[in-house]
Amino acid sequence: MTLDDVRRRFPGSAAASLRPLKVRGDHDLNPGFGPPSALREAAVLIPLVDRPGGATVIFTQRTAHLSAHAGQISFPGGRREPEDRSPEDTALRETQEEIGLDRDLVEIVGRLDTYVTRTGFRVTPIVGCVRPPFAIVPDPTEVAEVFEVPLTVILDPTNPQRHSRMFMGAQRFFYAFPYGERYIWGATAGMLVNLRDVLGESP
C-alpha cells in the first residue's frame, strides 16, 4: 500500500467522507472496564513515511523513568495545551518537541476515531504523511528511541494478536503487534487496529 492509497482513504475522497468517527478505547475488549469520568484532551501523530521499499510507520519508545507509560512503545504526542488551536496542532507541536520532526514536513491527511484510555486521556489520533529526507532528534527526557516499522507489518493478516494480563485482580484483554523484539500493545495497538480498519484490512 502506497501513501497515495492512504490519502484516498481519508477526508477528501467520497468514501472517507462517509466514514463516521466513533469512540474507541481500552474498554473495547473489556466491557465494564471504563475510563475515569474526568478526561484530559490529548493528541498523537501517526506518521507514515514514504520509503523506496514501501511505507513505514514511525514509533517512539518512551524512557524508563516517566511517570506514565514508562518504556512503552507509542506514537509521538501528548496532552493538549491552551495555546493549541486544534488536535492537529497538538500532535504536530508534541511531535516536534519529542522527536524533532519539522511540522512543515508533515502532510495531515485525516483523523482516526477518538481513543479513550483507562489513564484518563481522550486521544485524537492524527494521520500524517512525512516527506523524506528529515532529521530525527529525540528529546532524551521523554524518548529512549525512535524507529520505523513497515506498514505491511501492521496490515499483515496475522495481526493484531489478542493477548491478556492480570490487572487489578482480573484478566484484561488487549491488542498487540509483535515486531521482532518489540512489542506494540495497549492504546497504540488499539489505534493501529483502527488504522487497519480505515485502510480496508480489518482484523
N, C-alpha and C. Protein backbone atom coordinates (compact mmCIF):
# COMPACT_ATOMS: atom_id res chain seq x y z
N MET A 1 0.84 -1.19 0.00
CA MET A 1 0.00 0.00 0.00
C MET A 1 0.88 1.25 0.00
N THR A 2 0.60 2.17 -0.92
CA THR A 2 1.37 3.41 -1.01
C THR A 2 0.70 4.51 -0.20
N LEU A 3 1.42 5.61 -0.02
CA LEU A 3 0.82 6.73 0.70
C LEU A 3 -0.30 7.38 -0.11
N ASP A 4 -0.26 7.25 -1.43
CA ASP A 4 -1.39 7.74 -2.23
C ASP A 4 -2.64 6.93 -1.91
N ASP A 5 -2.49 5.63 -1.70
CA ASP A 5 -3.62 4.79 -1.29
C ASP A 5 -4.15 5.25 0.06
N VAL A 6 -3.24 5.57 0.97
CA VAL A 6 -3.64 6.05 2.30
C VAL A 6 -4.43 7.34 2.18
N ARG A 7 -3.94 8.27 1.38
CA ARG A 7 -4.62 9.56 1.22
C ARG A 7 -6.05 9.38 0.73
N ARG A 8 -6.25 8.42 -0.15
CA ARG A 8 -7.59 8.21 -0.72
C ARG A 8 -8.58 7.69 0.31
N ARG A 9 -8.10 7.15 1.41
CA ARG A 9 -8.98 6.60 2.44
C ARG A 9 -9.45 7.64 3.46
N PHE A 10 -8.89 8.83 3.38
CA PHE A 10 -9.20 9.86 4.36
C PHE A 10 -9.95 11.02 3.72
N PRO A 11 -10.44 11.97 4.53
CA PRO A 11 -11.24 13.09 4.01
C PRO A 11 -10.62 13.71 2.77
N GLY A 12 -11.50 14.00 1.82
CA GLY A 12 -11.05 14.44 0.52
C GLY A 12 -11.52 13.46 -0.54
N SER A 13 -11.77 12.22 -0.10
CA SER A 13 -12.35 11.22 -1.01
C SER A 13 -13.79 10.97 -0.59
N ALA A 14 -14.62 10.58 -1.55
CA ALA A 14 -16.04 10.37 -1.27
C ALA A 14 -16.24 9.29 -0.23
N ALA A 15 -15.46 8.20 -0.32
CA ALA A 15 -15.63 7.09 0.62
C ALA A 15 -15.30 7.52 2.04
N ALA A 16 -14.21 8.30 2.18
CA ALA A 16 -13.78 8.70 3.51
C ALA A 16 -14.76 9.65 4.15
N SER A 17 -15.39 10.51 3.34
CA SER A 17 -16.30 11.50 3.91
C SER A 17 -17.54 10.85 4.51
N LEU A 18 -17.81 9.59 4.12
CA LEU A 18 -18.98 8.89 4.64
C LEU A 18 -18.66 8.07 5.89
N ARG A 19 -17.38 8.02 6.28
CA ARG A 19 -16.97 7.19 7.41
C ARG A 19 -17.21 7.93 8.71
N PRO A 20 -18.15 7.49 9.55
CA PRO A 20 -18.41 8.18 10.81
C PRO A 20 -17.32 7.89 11.83
N LEU A 21 -16.91 8.92 12.58
CA LEU A 21 -15.96 8.73 13.65
C LEU A 21 -16.70 8.26 14.89
N LYS A 22 -16.04 7.43 15.69
CA LYS A 22 -16.65 6.96 16.92
C LYS A 22 -15.61 6.98 18.03
N VAL A 23 -15.98 6.51 19.20
CA VAL A 23 -15.08 6.48 20.34
C VAL A 23 -14.65 5.04 20.59
N ARG A 24 -13.35 4.82 20.57
CA ARG A 24 -12.78 3.52 20.89
C ARG A 24 -12.02 3.65 22.21
N GLY A 25 -11.52 2.53 22.71
CA GLY A 25 -10.75 2.64 23.94
C GLY A 25 -10.37 1.30 24.51
N ASP A 26 -9.70 1.37 25.67
CA ASP A 26 -9.28 0.15 26.36
C ASP A 26 -10.47 -0.73 26.71
N HIS A 27 -11.67 -0.13 26.76
CA HIS A 27 -12.85 -0.88 27.12
C HIS A 27 -13.40 -1.75 25.97
N ASP A 28 -12.87 -1.57 24.76
CA ASP A 28 -13.40 -2.33 23.61
C ASP A 28 -13.36 -3.84 23.85
N LEU A 29 -12.26 -4.31 24.41
CA LEU A 29 -12.12 -5.75 24.66
C LEU A 29 -12.46 -6.11 26.10
N ASN A 30 -12.80 -5.10 26.91
CA ASN A 30 -13.07 -5.33 28.33
C ASN A 30 -14.31 -4.55 28.76
N PRO A 31 -15.50 -5.02 28.41
CA PRO A 31 -16.72 -4.32 28.80
C PRO A 31 -16.78 -4.11 30.31
N GLY A 32 -17.16 -2.92 30.70
CA GLY A 32 -17.24 -2.60 32.11
C GLY A 32 -15.96 -2.03 32.67
N PHE A 33 -14.90 -2.04 31.87
CA PHE A 33 -13.62 -1.50 32.31
C PHE A 33 -13.45 -0.13 31.69
N GLY A 34 -14.25 0.82 32.16
CA GLY A 34 -14.28 2.14 31.56
C GLY A 34 -13.22 3.08 32.10
N PRO A 35 -13.10 4.26 31.47
CA PRO A 35 -12.11 5.25 31.90
C PRO A 35 -12.65 6.08 33.06
N PRO A 36 -11.81 6.90 33.68
CA PRO A 36 -12.29 7.83 34.70
C PRO A 36 -13.31 8.78 34.12
N SER A 37 -14.10 9.39 34.97
CA SER A 37 -15.15 10.30 34.49
C SER A 37 -14.56 11.60 33.94
N ALA A 38 -13.44 12.03 34.51
CA ALA A 38 -12.80 13.25 34.04
C ALA A 38 -11.68 12.88 33.06
N LEU A 39 -11.78 13.39 31.83
CA LEU A 39 -10.81 13.06 30.80
C LEU A 39 -10.02 14.29 30.37
N ARG A 40 -8.75 14.10 30.13
CA ARG A 40 -7.89 15.17 29.64
C ARG A 40 -7.68 15.00 28.14
N GLU A 41 -7.71 16.10 27.41
CA GLU A 41 -7.58 16.06 25.96
C GLU A 41 -6.11 15.86 25.57
N ALA A 42 -5.90 15.01 24.57
CA ALA A 42 -4.56 14.76 24.06
C ALA A 42 -4.66 14.41 22.58
N ALA A 43 -3.52 14.41 21.92
CA ALA A 43 -3.47 14.03 20.50
C ALA A 43 -2.12 13.39 20.21
N VAL A 44 -2.12 12.47 19.27
CA VAL A 44 -0.87 11.85 18.81
C VAL A 44 -0.82 11.93 17.30
N LEU A 45 0.40 11.87 16.78
CA LEU A 45 0.59 11.80 15.33
C LEU A 45 0.95 10.39 14.94
N ILE A 46 0.26 9.86 13.93
CA ILE A 46 0.64 8.58 13.34
C ILE A 46 1.38 8.91 12.05
N PRO A 47 2.71 8.97 12.11
CA PRO A 47 3.49 9.43 10.95
C PRO A 47 3.80 8.28 10.00
N LEU A 48 3.34 8.41 8.77
CA LEU A 48 3.59 7.42 7.72
C LEU A 48 4.65 7.99 6.78
N VAL A 49 5.72 7.24 6.57
CA VAL A 49 6.86 7.73 5.79
C VAL A 49 6.90 7.05 4.44
N ASP A 50 7.13 7.83 3.40
CA ASP A 50 7.22 7.30 2.04
C ASP A 50 8.65 6.84 1.77
N ARG A 51 8.91 5.56 1.98
CA ARG A 51 10.23 4.98 1.75
C ARG A 51 10.25 4.21 0.42
N PRO A 52 11.43 4.13 -0.24
CA PRO A 52 11.50 3.41 -1.52
C PRO A 52 11.03 1.96 -1.43
N GLY A 53 11.26 1.31 -0.30
CA GLY A 53 10.85 -0.08 -0.15
C GLY A 53 9.42 -0.25 0.32
N GLY A 54 8.69 0.85 0.50
CA GLY A 54 7.32 0.80 0.98
C GLY A 54 7.11 1.69 2.18
N ALA A 55 5.88 2.05 2.44
CA ALA A 55 5.56 2.97 3.53
C ALA A 55 5.92 2.36 4.88
N THR A 56 6.34 3.22 5.81
CA THR A 56 6.65 2.79 7.17
C THR A 56 5.90 3.68 8.16
N VAL A 57 5.85 3.23 9.41
CA VAL A 57 5.20 3.98 10.49
C VAL A 57 6.26 4.31 11.54
N ILE A 58 6.32 5.58 11.97
CA ILE A 58 7.27 5.99 13.00
C ILE A 58 6.67 5.75 14.38
N PHE A 59 7.48 5.13 15.25
CA PHE A 59 7.11 4.93 16.65
C PHE A 59 8.21 5.47 17.55
N THR A 60 7.84 5.72 18.80
CA THR A 60 8.83 6.08 19.80
C THR A 60 8.77 5.06 20.94
N GLN A 61 9.89 4.88 21.60
CA GLN A 61 9.91 4.12 22.85
C GLN A 61 10.19 5.11 23.97
N ARG A 62 9.27 5.16 24.93
CA ARG A 62 9.37 6.12 26.00
C ARG A 62 10.48 5.73 26.97
N THR A 63 11.07 6.74 27.61
CA THR A 63 12.13 6.47 28.56
C THR A 63 11.57 5.75 29.79
N ALA A 64 12.44 5.06 30.50
CA ALA A 64 12.02 4.19 31.59
C ALA A 64 11.63 4.95 32.86
N HIS A 65 12.00 6.23 32.96
CA HIS A 65 11.76 6.95 34.21
C HIS A 65 10.46 7.76 34.21
N LEU A 66 9.71 7.76 33.12
CA LEU A 66 8.50 8.58 33.05
C LEU A 66 7.44 8.04 34.01
N SER A 67 6.59 8.94 34.50
CA SER A 67 5.56 8.54 35.47
C SER A 67 4.42 7.77 34.83
N ALA A 68 4.19 7.99 33.54
CA ALA A 68 3.09 7.31 32.84
C ALA A 68 3.63 6.59 31.61
N HIS A 69 3.24 5.32 31.46
CA HIS A 69 3.58 4.52 30.28
C HIS A 69 5.09 4.42 30.05
N ALA A 70 5.85 4.37 31.12
CA ALA A 70 7.30 4.29 31.01
C ALA A 70 7.73 3.07 30.21
N GLY A 71 8.66 3.28 29.28
CA GLY A 71 9.22 2.19 28.50
C GLY A 71 8.34 1.66 27.39
N GLN A 72 7.12 2.14 27.29
CA GLN A 72 6.20 1.60 26.29
C GLN A 72 6.46 2.21 24.91
N ILE A 73 6.02 1.48 23.89
CA ILE A 73 6.08 1.98 22.52
C ILE A 73 4.82 2.79 22.25
N SER A 74 5.02 3.96 21.66
CA SER A 74 3.88 4.86 21.44
C SER A 74 4.09 5.67 20.18
N PHE A 75 3.08 6.48 19.85
CA PHE A 75 3.23 7.49 18.82
C PHE A 75 3.66 8.79 19.47
N PRO A 76 4.35 9.66 18.75
CA PRO A 76 4.66 10.96 19.34
C PRO A 76 3.38 11.75 19.58
N GLY A 77 3.31 12.42 20.71
CA GLY A 77 2.12 13.19 21.03
C GLY A 77 2.03 13.46 22.52
N GLY A 78 0.93 14.08 22.92
CA GLY A 78 0.77 14.40 24.34
C GLY A 78 -0.49 15.20 24.58
N ARG A 79 -0.55 15.77 25.77
CA ARG A 79 -1.77 16.48 26.16
C ARG A 79 -1.89 17.82 25.45
N ARG A 80 -3.13 18.22 25.26
CA ARG A 80 -3.41 19.48 24.58
C ARG A 80 -3.15 20.65 25.52
N GLU A 81 -2.46 21.67 25.01
CA GLU A 81 -2.17 22.88 25.77
C GLU A 81 -3.13 24.00 25.35
N PRO A 82 -3.34 24.99 26.23
CA PRO A 82 -4.31 26.06 25.92
C PRO A 82 -4.02 26.79 24.61
N GLU A 83 -2.74 26.88 24.24
CA GLU A 83 -2.40 27.62 23.03
C GLU A 83 -2.60 26.80 21.75
N ASP A 84 -2.86 25.51 21.88
CA ASP A 84 -3.09 24.68 20.70
C ASP A 84 -4.45 24.99 20.09
N ARG A 85 -4.45 25.21 18.79
CA ARG A 85 -5.69 25.59 18.11
C ARG A 85 -6.57 24.40 17.76
N SER A 86 -5.99 23.20 17.73
CA SER A 86 -6.73 22.01 17.30
C SER A 86 -5.93 20.78 17.72
N PRO A 87 -6.56 19.59 17.66
CA PRO A 87 -5.79 18.37 17.91
C PRO A 87 -4.62 18.21 16.94
N GLU A 88 -4.80 18.65 15.70
CA GLU A 88 -3.70 18.58 14.74
C GLU A 88 -2.52 19.43 15.22
N ASP A 89 -2.81 20.60 15.75
CA ASP A 89 -1.76 21.48 16.27
C ASP A 89 -1.04 20.83 17.44
N THR A 90 -1.82 20.18 18.32
CA THR A 90 -1.22 19.47 19.45
C THR A 90 -0.28 18.37 18.98
N ALA A 91 -0.75 17.55 18.04
CA ALA A 91 0.05 16.43 17.55
C ALA A 91 1.34 16.91 16.89
N LEU A 92 1.25 17.96 16.08
CA LEU A 92 2.44 18.46 15.39
C LEU A 92 3.42 19.10 16.37
N ARG A 93 2.91 19.86 17.33
CA ARG A 93 3.78 20.50 18.32
C ARG A 93 4.50 19.46 19.16
N GLU A 94 3.74 18.49 19.67
CA GLU A 94 4.33 17.46 20.51
C GLU A 94 5.34 16.62 19.73
N THR A 95 5.05 16.33 18.48
CA THR A 95 5.97 15.55 17.66
C THR A 95 7.28 16.29 17.46
N GLN A 96 7.19 17.58 17.18
CA GLN A 96 8.41 18.37 17.01
C GLN A 96 9.21 18.44 18.30
N GLU A 97 8.51 18.57 19.43
CA GLU A 97 9.19 18.63 20.72
C GLU A 97 9.83 17.29 21.09
N GLU A 98 9.15 16.18 20.81
CA GLU A 98 9.62 14.87 21.24
C GLU A 98 10.70 14.28 20.35
N ILE A 99 10.53 14.41 19.03
CA ILE A 99 11.49 13.74 18.13
C ILE A 99 12.14 14.69 17.12
N GLY A 100 11.82 15.99 17.20
CA GLY A 100 12.47 16.96 16.34
C GLY A 100 12.01 16.96 14.91
N LEU A 101 10.88 16.30 14.61
CA LEU A 101 10.39 16.26 13.24
C LEU A 101 9.73 17.58 12.89
N ASP A 102 10.26 18.27 11.90
CA ASP A 102 9.75 19.56 11.47
C ASP A 102 8.30 19.42 11.01
N ARG A 103 7.41 20.21 11.61
CA ARG A 103 5.98 20.10 11.28
C ARG A 103 5.70 20.44 9.82
N ASP A 104 6.57 21.22 9.19
CA ASP A 104 6.34 21.59 7.79
C ASP A 104 6.55 20.41 6.84
N LEU A 105 7.14 19.32 7.34
CA LEU A 105 7.36 18.14 6.51
C LEU A 105 6.22 17.13 6.63
N VAL A 106 5.22 17.45 7.45
CA VAL A 106 4.11 16.53 7.70
C VAL A 106 2.86 17.02 6.98
N GLU A 107 2.30 16.18 6.13
CA GLU A 107 1.04 16.46 5.45
C GLU A 107 -0.08 15.74 6.21
N ILE A 108 -0.94 16.50 6.87
CA ILE A 108 -2.05 15.90 7.61
C ILE A 108 -3.08 15.39 6.60
N VAL A 109 -3.46 14.11 6.75
CA VAL A 109 -4.44 13.55 5.81
C VAL A 109 -5.77 13.21 6.48
N GLY A 110 -5.80 13.16 7.82
CA GLY A 110 -7.09 12.89 8.46
C GLY A 110 -6.94 12.45 9.90
N ARG A 111 -8.09 12.14 10.52
CA ARG A 111 -8.15 11.67 11.90
C ARG A 111 -8.67 10.25 11.95
N LEU A 112 -8.25 9.53 12.98
CA LEU A 112 -8.88 8.27 13.32
C LEU A 112 -9.91 8.51 14.42
N ASP A 113 -10.58 7.44 14.85
CA ASP A 113 -11.55 7.57 15.93
C ASP A 113 -10.87 8.03 17.22
N THR A 114 -11.61 8.77 18.02
CA THR A 114 -11.12 9.15 19.34
C THR A 114 -10.84 7.88 20.14
N TYR A 115 -9.74 7.92 20.91
CA TYR A 115 -9.37 6.76 21.73
C TYR A 115 -9.32 7.19 23.18
N VAL A 116 -10.10 6.53 24.03
CA VAL A 116 -10.17 6.86 25.45
C VAL A 116 -9.36 5.83 26.23
N THR A 117 -8.45 6.30 27.08
CA THR A 117 -7.59 5.39 27.84
C THR A 117 -8.05 5.28 29.28
N ARG A 118 -7.69 4.18 29.92
CA ARG A 118 -8.04 3.98 31.32
C ARG A 118 -7.28 4.93 32.23
N THR A 119 -6.20 5.55 31.70
CA THR A 119 -5.43 6.51 32.48
C THR A 119 -6.01 7.92 32.42
N GLY A 120 -7.15 8.07 31.72
CA GLY A 120 -7.86 9.33 31.78
C GLY A 120 -7.60 10.31 30.66
N PHE A 121 -7.21 9.82 29.48
CA PHE A 121 -6.98 10.70 28.34
C PHE A 121 -7.97 10.40 27.22
N ARG A 122 -8.47 11.46 26.59
CA ARG A 122 -9.26 11.34 25.37
C ARG A 122 -8.33 11.76 24.24
N VAL A 123 -7.85 10.76 23.48
CA VAL A 123 -6.79 10.99 22.50
C VAL A 123 -7.37 11.07 21.09
N THR A 124 -6.96 12.10 20.36
CA THR A 124 -7.31 12.21 18.94
C THR A 124 -6.11 11.78 18.12
N PRO A 125 -6.19 10.66 17.40
CA PRO A 125 -5.07 10.23 16.55
C PRO A 125 -5.11 10.95 15.20
N ILE A 126 -4.01 11.59 14.85
CA ILE A 126 -3.90 12.33 13.61
C ILE A 126 -2.96 11.59 12.67
N VAL A 127 -3.41 11.31 11.46
CA VAL A 127 -2.59 10.59 10.48
C VAL A 127 -1.91 11.61 9.58
N GLY A 128 -0.59 11.46 9.44
CA GLY A 128 0.15 12.38 8.59
C GLY A 128 1.16 11.65 7.72
N CYS A 129 1.37 12.16 6.52
CA CYS A 129 2.38 11.62 5.61
C CYS A 129 3.63 12.48 5.71
N VAL A 130 4.78 11.83 5.82
CA VAL A 130 6.04 12.54 6.03
C VAL A 130 6.92 12.40 4.79
N ARG A 131 7.48 13.53 4.37
CA ARG A 131 8.32 13.54 3.18
C ARG A 131 9.80 13.47 3.58
N PRO A 132 10.50 12.40 3.22
CA PRO A 132 11.95 12.37 3.44
C PRO A 132 12.63 13.33 2.46
N PRO A 133 13.84 13.76 2.76
CA PRO A 133 14.61 13.42 3.95
C PRO A 133 14.18 14.30 5.13
N PHE A 134 14.42 13.79 6.34
CA PHE A 134 14.13 14.57 7.53
C PHE A 134 15.08 14.13 8.64
N ALA A 135 15.27 15.00 9.58
CA ALA A 135 16.15 14.69 10.71
C ALA A 135 15.31 14.35 11.93
N ILE A 136 15.77 13.37 12.70
CA ILE A 136 15.13 12.99 13.95
C ILE A 136 16.08 13.31 15.10
N VAL A 137 15.60 14.12 16.04
CA VAL A 137 16.40 14.49 17.21
C VAL A 137 15.54 14.23 18.44
N PRO A 138 15.61 13.03 19.04
CA PRO A 138 14.75 12.72 20.18
C PRO A 138 15.08 13.56 21.41
N ASP A 139 14.04 13.92 22.15
CA ASP A 139 14.21 14.55 23.45
C ASP A 139 14.59 13.45 24.44
N PRO A 140 15.80 13.45 24.98
CA PRO A 140 16.24 12.34 25.82
C PRO A 140 15.48 12.23 27.14
N THR A 141 14.77 13.27 27.53
CA THR A 141 14.00 13.19 28.78
C THR A 141 12.71 12.41 28.59
N GLU A 142 12.25 12.26 27.35
CA GLU A 142 10.98 11.57 27.08
C GLU A 142 11.12 10.35 26.20
N VAL A 143 12.07 10.39 25.26
CA VAL A 143 12.14 9.37 24.22
C VAL A 143 13.47 8.63 24.29
N ALA A 144 13.41 7.31 24.47
CA ALA A 144 14.62 6.50 24.51
C ALA A 144 15.07 6.12 23.10
N GLU A 145 14.11 5.97 22.18
CA GLU A 145 14.44 5.53 20.83
C GLU A 145 13.31 5.88 19.87
N VAL A 146 13.68 6.15 18.63
CA VAL A 146 12.72 6.35 17.54
C VAL A 146 13.03 5.31 16.47
N PHE A 147 12.00 4.63 15.99
CA PHE A 147 12.22 3.59 14.98
C PHE A 147 11.02 3.52 14.05
N GLU A 148 11.20 2.84 12.92
CA GLU A 148 10.14 2.69 11.92
C GLU A 148 9.79 1.23 11.74
N VAL A 149 8.52 0.98 11.49
CA VAL A 149 8.01 -0.37 11.22
C VAL A 149 7.31 -0.34 9.86
N PRO A 150 7.58 -1.30 8.98
CA PRO A 150 6.89 -1.31 7.67
C PRO A 150 5.37 -1.37 7.85
N LEU A 151 4.66 -0.61 7.06
CA LEU A 151 3.20 -0.62 7.12
C LEU A 151 2.66 -2.01 6.82
N THR A 152 3.41 -2.79 6.02
CA THR A 152 2.96 -4.15 5.71
C THR A 152 2.86 -5.02 6.96
N VAL A 153 3.69 -4.73 7.97
CA VAL A 153 3.61 -5.48 9.23
C VAL A 153 2.28 -5.19 9.93
N ILE A 154 1.87 -3.93 9.92
CA ILE A 154 0.62 -3.53 10.56
C ILE A 154 -0.57 -4.15 9.83
N LEU A 155 -0.46 -4.27 8.51
CA LEU A 155 -1.57 -4.80 7.70
C LEU A 155 -1.51 -6.31 7.53
N ASP A 156 -0.49 -6.95 8.06
CA ASP A 156 -0.35 -8.40 7.93
C ASP A 156 -1.58 -9.11 8.50
N PRO A 157 -2.12 -10.11 7.80
CA PRO A 157 -3.32 -10.81 8.29
C PRO A 157 -3.14 -11.47 9.65
N THR A 158 -1.90 -11.75 10.05
CA THR A 158 -1.69 -12.37 11.37
C THR A 158 -1.79 -11.36 12.50
N ASN A 159 -1.89 -10.09 12.17
CA ASN A 159 -2.06 -9.04 13.17
C ASN A 159 -3.45 -8.45 13.10
N PRO A 160 -3.97 -7.89 14.21
CA PRO A 160 -3.36 -7.89 15.53
C PRO A 160 -3.61 -9.21 16.27
N GLN A 161 -2.76 -9.45 17.27
CA GLN A 161 -2.99 -10.57 18.17
C GLN A 161 -3.75 -10.08 19.40
N ARG A 162 -4.49 -10.98 20.02
CA ARG A 162 -5.19 -10.64 21.26
C ARG A 162 -4.48 -11.32 22.43
N HIS A 163 -3.97 -10.53 23.33
CA HIS A 163 -3.26 -11.03 24.49
C HIS A 163 -4.00 -10.62 25.76
N SER A 164 -3.57 -11.14 26.89
CA SER A 164 -4.21 -10.78 28.15
C SER A 164 -3.18 -10.75 29.28
N ARG A 165 -3.52 -9.99 30.32
CA ARG A 165 -2.72 -9.93 31.54
C ARG A 165 -3.66 -9.76 32.72
N MET A 166 -3.17 -10.11 33.88
CA MET A 166 -3.93 -9.86 35.09
C MET A 166 -3.70 -8.41 35.52
N PHE A 167 -4.80 -7.70 35.77
CA PHE A 167 -4.71 -6.30 36.19
C PHE A 167 -5.82 -6.03 37.20
N MET A 168 -5.44 -5.55 38.37
CA MET A 168 -6.40 -5.25 39.42
C MET A 168 -7.27 -6.47 39.73
N GLY A 169 -6.64 -7.64 39.75
CA GLY A 169 -7.33 -8.86 40.13
C GLY A 169 -8.22 -9.48 39.07
N ALA A 170 -8.16 -8.98 37.86
CA ALA A 170 -9.00 -9.54 36.79
C ALA A 170 -8.19 -9.67 35.51
N GLN A 171 -8.63 -10.56 34.65
CA GLN A 171 -7.95 -10.74 33.37
C GLN A 171 -8.41 -9.67 32.40
N ARG A 172 -7.45 -8.92 31.84
CA ARG A 172 -7.75 -7.86 30.90
C ARG A 172 -7.17 -8.22 29.54
N PHE A 173 -7.95 -7.97 28.49
CA PHE A 173 -7.54 -8.30 27.14
C PHE A 173 -7.11 -7.04 26.40
N PHE A 174 -6.17 -7.22 25.46
CA PHE A 174 -5.69 -6.07 24.69
C PHE A 174 -5.12 -6.56 23.37
N TYR A 175 -5.02 -5.64 22.40
CA TYR A 175 -4.40 -5.94 21.12
C TYR A 175 -2.89 -5.81 21.22
N ALA A 176 -2.18 -6.58 20.39
CA ALA A 176 -0.73 -6.49 20.35
C ALA A 176 -0.24 -6.73 18.93
N PHE A 177 0.83 -6.01 18.58
CA PHE A 177 1.51 -6.16 17.29
C PHE A 177 2.99 -6.47 17.57
N PRO A 178 3.35 -7.73 17.77
CA PRO A 178 4.76 -8.06 17.97
C PRO A 178 5.55 -7.79 16.69
N TYR A 179 6.75 -7.26 16.85
CA TYR A 179 7.62 -6.99 15.70
C TYR A 179 9.06 -7.23 16.12
N GLY A 180 9.59 -8.39 15.78
CA GLY A 180 10.92 -8.74 16.23
C GLY A 180 10.96 -8.79 17.75
N GLU A 181 11.88 -8.05 18.32
CA GLU A 181 12.00 -7.98 19.78
C GLU A 181 11.08 -6.92 20.38
N ARG A 182 10.36 -6.21 19.55
CA ARG A 182 9.49 -5.13 20.03
C ARG A 182 8.07 -5.64 20.24
N TYR A 183 7.37 -4.95 21.12
CA TYR A 183 6.02 -5.38 21.49
C TYR A 183 5.13 -4.13 21.58
N ILE A 184 4.32 -3.96 20.54
CA ILE A 184 3.44 -2.80 20.46
C ILE A 184 2.07 -3.21 20.98
N TRP A 185 1.60 -2.58 22.04
CA TRP A 185 0.36 -3.00 22.66
C TRP A 185 -0.38 -1.79 23.24
N GLY A 186 -1.48 -2.07 23.95
CA GLY A 186 -2.22 -1.01 24.62
C GLY A 186 -2.89 -0.05 23.67
N ALA A 187 -2.93 1.22 24.05
CA ALA A 187 -3.61 2.24 23.26
C ALA A 187 -3.00 2.36 21.86
N THR A 188 -1.67 2.25 21.77
CA THR A 188 -1.02 2.35 20.47
C THR A 188 -1.51 1.25 19.54
N ALA A 189 -1.59 0.02 20.05
CA ALA A 189 -2.09 -1.08 19.23
C ALA A 189 -3.56 -0.88 18.88
N GLY A 190 -4.34 -0.35 19.82
CA GLY A 190 -5.75 -0.08 19.55
C GLY A 190 -5.93 0.90 18.40
N MET A 191 -5.08 1.92 18.35
CA MET A 191 -5.14 2.89 17.25
C MET A 191 -4.70 2.26 15.94
N LEU A 192 -3.76 1.33 16.00
CA LEU A 192 -3.33 0.63 14.79
C LEU A 192 -4.46 -0.25 14.24
N VAL A 193 -5.26 -0.83 15.12
CA VAL A 193 -6.42 -1.60 14.68
C VAL A 193 -7.38 -0.70 13.91
N ASN A 194 -7.58 0.50 14.42
CA ASN A 194 -8.42 1.50 13.75
C ASN A 194 -7.84 1.86 12.39
N LEU A 195 -6.51 2.05 12.34
CA LEU A 195 -5.87 2.36 11.07
C LEU A 195 -6.08 1.23 10.06
N ARG A 196 -5.96 0.00 10.50
CA ARG A 196 -6.22 -1.15 9.63
C ARG A 196 -7.64 -1.10 9.08
N ASP A 197 -8.60 -0.79 9.95
CA ASP A 197 -10.00 -0.71 9.53
C ASP A 197 -10.16 0.31 8.39
N VAL A 198 -9.56 1.47 8.60
CA VAL A 198 -9.69 2.55 7.61
C VAL A 198 -9.05 2.16 6.28
N LEU A 199 -7.92 1.46 6.38
CA LEU A 199 -7.20 1.09 5.15
C LEU A 199 -7.78 -0.16 4.49
N GLY A 200 -8.88 -0.68 5.08
CA GLY A 200 -9.56 -1.79 4.43
C GLY A 200 -9.02 -3.15 4.77
N GLU A 201 -8.25 -3.23 5.87
CA GLU A 201 -7.67 -4.52 6.26
C GLU A 201 -8.13 -4.87 7.67
N SER A 202 -9.42 -4.99 7.87
CA SER A 202 -9.96 -5.23 9.20
C SER A 202 -9.48 -6.57 9.75
N PRO A 203 -9.20 -6.62 11.08
CA PRO A 203 -8.76 -7.88 11.69
C PRO A 203 -9.88 -8.90 11.72
